[in-house]
Protein backbone atom coordinates (compact mmCIF):
# COMPACT_ATOMS: atom_id res chain seq x y z
CA MET A 1 -52.01 -88.09 12.97
CA PRO A 2 -48.16 -87.78 12.48
CA ALA A 3 -46.35 -84.75 12.67
CA ALA A 4 -45.85 -82.56 9.63
CA LYS A 5 -42.55 -82.07 7.78
CA LYS A 6 -41.26 -78.73 9.04
CA PRO A 7 -40.70 -76.49 5.80
CA ALA A 8 -36.74 -75.92 5.32
CA SER A 9 -37.42 -72.04 4.98
CA PHE A 10 -39.00 -69.41 6.14
CA GLU A 11 -40.58 -68.77 3.03
CA ALA A 12 -42.21 -71.67 2.86
CA ALA A 13 -43.13 -71.48 6.14
CA LEU A 14 -44.92 -68.23 5.75
CA GLN A 15 -45.76 -69.31 2.33
CA GLU A 16 -47.13 -72.97 3.68
CA LEU A 17 -48.59 -70.61 6.78
CA GLU A 18 -50.42 -68.14 4.03
CA HIS A 19 -52.37 -70.85 2.68
CA ILE A 20 -53.55 -72.35 5.94
CA VAL A 21 -54.76 -69.33 6.68
CA GLN A 22 -57.14 -68.57 3.70
CA ALA A 23 -58.26 -72.27 3.69
CA MET A 24 -59.71 -71.63 6.90
CA GLU A 25 -60.99 -68.11 6.20
CA SER A 26 -63.19 -69.55 3.90
CA GLY A 27 -65.23 -71.52 5.94
CA GLU A 28 -65.36 -74.51 3.85
CA ALA A 29 -63.14 -76.80 5.67
CA PRO A 30 -65.14 -79.41 8.21
CA LEU A 31 -64.11 -79.19 11.96
CA GLU A 32 -61.85 -81.83 12.92
CA GLU A 33 -59.36 -80.46 9.79
CA SER A 34 -60.68 -76.74 10.34
CA LEU A 35 -58.32 -77.80 13.96
CA ALA A 36 -55.79 -80.31 12.30
CA SER A 37 -54.70 -76.70 9.75
CA TYR A 38 -55.67 -74.61 13.35
CA GLU A 39 -52.73 -76.59 14.80
CA ARG A 40 -50.50 -76.57 12.04
CA GLY A 41 -50.85 -72.42 11.71
CA MET A 42 -49.50 -72.57 15.26
CA ALA A 43 -46.39 -74.97 14.89
CA LEU A 44 -45.59 -72.35 11.69
CA LEU A 45 -46.23 -69.50 13.29
CA GLN A 46 -43.73 -70.99 15.97
CA GLN A 47 -40.94 -71.35 13.37
CA CYS A 48 -41.29 -68.23 11.85
CA GLN A 49 -40.92 -66.47 14.71
CA GLU A 50 -38.01 -68.11 15.93
CA ALA A 51 -36.31 -67.52 12.96
CA LEU A 52 -36.94 -64.02 13.17
CA GLY A 53 -35.91 -63.94 16.13
CA SER A 54 -32.49 -65.30 14.70
CA ALA A 55 -32.24 -63.51 12.14
CA GLU A 56 -32.27 -60.45 14.70
CA GLN A 57 -29.80 -61.22 16.93
CA LYS A 58 -27.15 -62.05 14.42
CA ILE A 59 -27.99 -58.86 12.98
CA ARG A 60 -27.40 -57.22 16.09
CA MET A 61 -23.95 -58.93 16.31
CA LEU A 62 -23.42 -57.16 13.42
CA GLU A 63 -24.34 -54.33 14.78
CA ASN A 64 -22.30 -54.16 17.91
CA GLY A 65 -25.56 -55.41 19.29
CA SER A 66 -28.05 -52.77 19.01
CA LEU A 67 -30.53 -52.47 16.46
CA ARG A 68 -30.53 -49.07 13.75
CA SER A 69 -33.51 -48.43 12.95
CA PHE A 70 -33.20 -49.35 8.16
CA GLU A 71 -32.04 -45.72 7.17
CA GLY A 72 -34.15 -46.26 2.93
CA ALA A 73 -37.65 -47.64 4.40
CA SER A 74 -38.92 -43.63 5.25
CA GLU A 75 -37.75 -42.92 1.75
CA GLY A 76 -39.42 -45.07 -0.18
CA ALA A 77 -42.83 -43.83 0.85
CA GLU A 78 -41.87 -40.77 -0.20
CA SER A 79 -41.75 -41.13 -3.81
């Protein structure tokens, strides 16, 4: 089976991963298809983790090497 195309963006990879999870949770796919989907899902997961790691590194550089909590995150939860 040829290697699957790498999604162009984090969002596209995440959307494809979510679709795979939904399809696998349904339990309707044959075993071989489920194994191929699992393998594809693991590749997408790795791609997403790498993209998030890269984004975190860029944020650290912008914040002079320290990663700070987003102060607005808790404000929205209190409303």
